Amino acid sequence: MGCRQIAALNDGEVVDMSSSRVPAIPSDLCDDLRYWAPAGRGDTEVDFLLSIGDRVVAIEAKSGASFRSGWCKGLRAIQDLNGLTRRIVVTPSSPSLVTEDGIEVWPFSRLVETVRQGVLFG
């Protein structure tokens, strides 16, 4: 897919997903889009790292309707990432909540509305 490693984090890698196969990212959404997974641990990853300047939002997308703490494994593993401003689990329809360690759980509709309002990065 033309991805390349751009940084290391917790024995893993942050991969730049920019390539000719990935549709253009709207410039008002983020500067770039990345994926994170630690080396040798296939059960821990973060689906999307969006960044604008030095601010990063981490998003884990899940298909289940009922939140499970285990879904936050990757988001917890990157909690010390420089510039990380928000960690979000997005589901089709779960109620909004915040975990004890600050991970936000949103239904997809809230993510869409937050992006539309231009406040994803705070």
C-alpha atoms as a PDB file:
ATOM      1  CA  MET A   1       0.000   0.000   0.000  1.00  0.00           C
ATOM      2  CA  GLY A   2       2.996   2.300  -0.014  1.00  0.00           C
ATOM      3  CA  CYS A   3       3.025   2.833   3.753  1.00  0.00           C
ATOM      4  CA  ARG A   4       6.280   3.766   5.421  1.00  0.00           C
ATOM      5  CA  GLN A   5       7.446   3.797   9.024  1.00  0.00           C
ATOM      6  CA  ILE A   6       7.936   7.345  10.279  1.00  0.00           C
ATOM      7  CA  ALA A   7       8.485   6.923  14.014  1.00  0.00           C
ATOM      8  CA  ALA A   8       8.931   4.333  16.702  1.00  0.00           C
ATOM      9  CA  LEU A   9       6.767   4.142  19.828  1.00  0.00           C
ATOM     10  CA  ASN A  10       6.849   1.467  22.535  1.00  0.00           C
ATOM     11  CA  ASP A  11       8.701  -1.012  20.307  1.00  0.00           C
ATOM     12  CA  GLY A  12       6.149  -0.416  17.564  1.00  0.00           C
ATOM     13  CA  GLU A  13       5.870   1.799  14.600  1.00  0.00           C
ATOM     14  CA  VAL A  14       3.805   4.728  13.443  1.00  0.00           C
ATOM     15  CA  VAL A  15       3.082   4.202   9.763  1.00  0.00           C
ATOM     16  CA  ASP A  16       2.299   6.990   7.302  1.00  0.00           C
ATOM     17  CA  MET A  17      -0.720   5.836   5.311  1.00  0.00           C
ATOM     18  CA  SER A  18      -0.266   8.349   2.500  1.00  0.00           C
ATOM     19  CA  SER A  19      -0.191   6.640  -0.873  1.00  0.00           C
ATOM     20  CA  SER A  20      -1.893   6.708  -4.224  1.00  0.00           C
ATOM     21  CA  ARG A  21      -4.390   4.086  -2.946  1.00  0.00           C
ATOM     22  CA  VAL A  22      -5.583   6.247  -0.057  1.00  0.00           C
ATOM     23  CA  PRO A  23      -8.033   8.976  -1.111  1.00  0.00           C
ATOM     24  CA  ALA A  24      -6.902  12.531  -0.501  1.00  0.00           C
ATOM     25  CA  ILE A  25      -7.429  13.635   3.088  1.00  0.00           C
ATOM     26  CA  PRO A  26      -9.368  16.918   3.262  1.00  0.00           C
ATOM     27  CA  SER A  27      -6.907  19.585   4.431  1.00  0.00           C
ATOM     28  CA  ASP A  28      -9.429  20.913   6.937  1.00  0.00           C
ATOM     29  CA  LEU A  29      -9.646  17.486   8.649  1.00  0.00           C
ATOM     30  CA  CYS A  30      -5.971  16.760   9.324  1.00  0.00           C
ATOM     31  CA  ASP A  31      -2.440  17.114   7.959  1.00  0.00           C
ATOM     32  CA  ASP A  32      -1.888  13.387   7.814  1.00  0.00           C
ATOM     33  CA  LEU A  33      -3.261   9.991   8.753  1.00  0.00           C
ATOM     34  CA  ARG A  34      -1.315   7.194  10.406  1.00  0.00           C
ATOM     35  CA  TYR A  35      -1.681   3.726  11.919  1.00  0.00           C
ATOM     36  CA  TRP A  36       0.193   2.330  14.947  1.00  0.00           C
ATOM     37  CA  ALA A  37       1.050  -1.229  15.915  1.00  0.00           C
ATOM     38  CA  PRO A  38       3.834  -2.529  18.169  1.00  0.00           C
ATOM     39  CA  ALA A  39       6.251  -5.031  16.686  1.00  0.00           C
ATOM     40  CA  GLY A  40       5.274  -8.630  17.393  1.00  0.00           C
ATOM     41  CA  ARG A  41       1.982  -7.838  19.168  1.00  0.00           C
ATOM     42  CA  GLY A  42      -0.862  -8.283  16.720  1.00  0.00           C
ATOM     43  CA  ASP A  43      -3.496  -7.799  19.417  1.00  0.00           C
ATOM     44  CA  THR A  44      -2.510  -4.175  20.126  1.00  0.00           C
ATOM     45  CA  GLU A  45      -2.906  -1.390  17.584  1.00  0.00           C
ATOM     46  CA  VAL A  46      -4.563   1.957  16.909  1.00  0.00           C
ATOM     47  CA  ASP A  47      -6.606   2.274  13.744  1.00  0.00           C
ATOM     48  CA  PHE A  48      -6.115   5.981  13.070  1.00  0.00           C
ATOM     49  CA  LEU A  49      -3.725   8.678  14.259  1.00  0.00           C
ATOM     50  CA  LEU A  50      -4.813  11.986  12.764  1.00  0.00           C
ATOM     51  CA  SER A  51      -2.593  15.007  13.208  1.00  0.00           C
ATOM     52  CA  ILE A  52      -2.648  18.736  12.639  1.00  0.00           C
ATOM     53  CA  GLY A  53       0.689  20.350  13.365  1.00  0.00           C
ATOM     54  CA  ASP A  54       1.913  18.838  16.626  1.00  0.00           C
ATOM     55  CA  ARG A  55      -1.568  17.766  17.838  1.00  0.00           C
ATOM     56  CA  VAL A  56      -2.631  14.126  17.485  1.00  0.00           C
ATOM     57  CA  VAL A  57      -6.025  12.436  17.862  1.00  0.00           C
ATOM     58  CA  ALA A  58      -6.067   8.627  18.159  1.00  0.00           C
ATOM     59  CA  ILE A  59      -9.181   6.775  17.005  1.00  0.00           C
ATOM     60  CA  GLU A  60     -10.042   3.117  17.440  1.00  0.00           C
ATOM     61  CA  ALA A  61     -13.026   1.975  15.353  1.00  0.00           C
ATOM     62  CA  LYS A  62     -15.126  -0.933  16.614  1.00  0.00           C
ATOM     63  CA  SER A  63     -18.187  -2.679  15.180  1.00  0.00           C
ATOM     64  CA  GLY A  64     -19.708  -3.743  18.513  1.00  0.00           C
ATOM     65  CA  ALA A  65     -22.581  -1.820  20.037  1.00  0.00           C
ATOM     66  CA  SER A  66     -21.644  -2.353  23.707  1.00  0.00           C
ATOM     67  CA  PHE A  67     -18.375  -0.851  24.933  1.00  0.00           C
ATOM     68  CA  ARG A  68     -15.663  -3.204  26.193  1.00  0.00           C
ATOM     69  CA  SER A  69     -12.616  -1.986  28.107  1.00  0.00           C
ATOM     70  CA  GLY A  70     -10.384  -4.336  26.081  1.00  0.00           C
ATOM     71  CA  TRP A  71     -11.021  -2.165  23.031  1.00  0.00           C
ATOM     72  CA  CYS A  72      -8.816   0.497  24.626  1.00  0.00           C
ATOM     73  CA  LYS A  73      -5.634  -1.591  24.699  1.00  0.00           C
ATOM     74  CA  GLY A  74      -3.912   0.261  21.862  1.00  0.00           C
ATOM     75  CA  LEU A  75      -5.155   3.661  23.006  1.00  0.00           C
ATOM     76  CA  ARG A  76      -3.723   2.992  26.460  1.00  0.00           C
ATOM     77  CA  ALA A  77      -0.418   1.837  24.981  1.00  0.00           C
ATOM     78  CA  ILE A  78       0.093   5.196  23.217  1.00  0.00           C
ATOM     79  CA  GLN A  79      -1.011   7.446  26.081  1.00  0.00           C
ATOM     80  CA  ASP A  80       2.473   8.997  26.273  1.00  0.00           C
ATOM     81  CA  LEU A  81       2.671   9.890  22.571  1.00  0.00           C
ATOM     82  CA  ASN A  82       3.903  13.477  22.176  1.00  0.00           C
ATOM     83  CA  GLY A  83       1.097  15.805  21.136  1.00  0.00           C
ATOM     84  CA  LEU A  84      -1.708  13.338  21.893  1.00  0.00           C
ATOM     85  CA  THR A  85      -4.751  15.477  22.655  1.00  0.00           C
ATOM     86  CA  ARG A  86      -7.578  12.967  22.481  1.00  0.00           C
ATOM     87  CA  ARG A  87      -8.148   9.182  22.439  1.00  0.00           C
ATOM     88  CA  ILE A  88     -11.487   8.012  21.041  1.00  0.00           C
ATOM     89  CA  VAL A  89     -13.227   4.658  20.553  1.00  0.00           C
ATOM     90  CA  VAL A  90     -15.917   4.953  17.872  1.00  0.00           C
ATOM     91  CA  THR A  91     -18.768   2.450  17.657  1.00  0.00           C
ATOM     92  CA  PRO A  92     -21.898   2.333  15.516  1.00  0.00           C
ATOM     93  CA  SER A  93     -24.264   3.373  18.295  1.00  0.00           C
ATOM     94  CA  SER A  94     -22.894   3.113  21.839  1.00  0.00           C
ATOM     95  CA  PRO A  95     -23.725   5.862  24.315  1.00  0.00           C
ATOM     96  CA  SER A  96     -21.058   8.534  24.836  1.00  0.00           C
ATOM     97  CA  LEU A  97     -18.889   8.015  27.894  1.00  0.00           C
ATOM     98  CA  VAL A  98     -15.379   8.662  29.191  1.00  0.00           C
ATOM     99  CA  THR A  99     -13.247   5.971  30.841  1.00  0.00           C
ATOM    100  CA  GLU A 100     -11.396   6.579  34.116  1.00  0.00           C
ATOM    101  CA  ASP A 101      -8.192   7.215  32.153  1.00  0.00           C
ATOM    102  CA  GLY A 102      -9.786   9.748  29.794  1.00  0.00           C
ATOM    103  CA  ILE A 103     -10.568   7.664  26.710  1.00  0.00           C
ATOM    104  CA  GLU A 104     -13.734   8.936  25.052  1.00  0.00           C
ATOM    105  CA  VAL A 105     -16.275   6.453  23.688  1.00  0.00           C
ATOM    106  CA  TRP A 106     -18.537   7.864  20.998  1.00  0.00           C
ATOM    107  CA  PRO A 107     -21.208   6.665  18.603  1.00  0.00           C
ATOM    108  CA  PHE A 108     -20.254   7.239  14.972  1.00  0.00           C
ATOM    109  CA  SER A 109     -22.806  10.052  14.690  1.00  0.00           C
ATOM    110  CA  ARG A 110     -20.909  12.059  17.320  1.00  0.00           C
ATOM    111  CA  LEU A 111     -17.636  11.632  15.427  1.00  0.00           C
ATOM    112  CA  VAL A 112     -19.291  12.887  12.239  1.00  0.00           C
ATOM    113  CA  GLU A 113     -20.772  15.897  14.036  1.00  0.00           C
ATOM    114  CA  THR A 114     -17.465  16.711  15.738  1.00  0.00           C
ATOM    115  CA  VAL A 115     -15.647  16.613  12.384  1.00  0.00           C
ATOM    116  CA  ARG A 116     -18.358  18.762  10.750  1.00  0.00           C
ATOM    117  CA  GLN A 117     -18.030  21.354  13.526  1.00  0.00           C
ATOM    118  CA  GLY A 118     -14.245  21.394  13.094  1.00  0.00           C
ATOM    119  CA  VAL A 119     -13.567  20.626  16.763  1.00  0.00           C
ATOM    120  CA  LEU A 120     -12.007  17.150  16.605  1.00  0.00           C
ATOM    121  CA  PHE A 121      -8.674  18.517  17.830  1.00  0.00           C
ATOM    122  CA  GLY A 122     -10.297  20.611  20.566  1.00  0.00           C
END
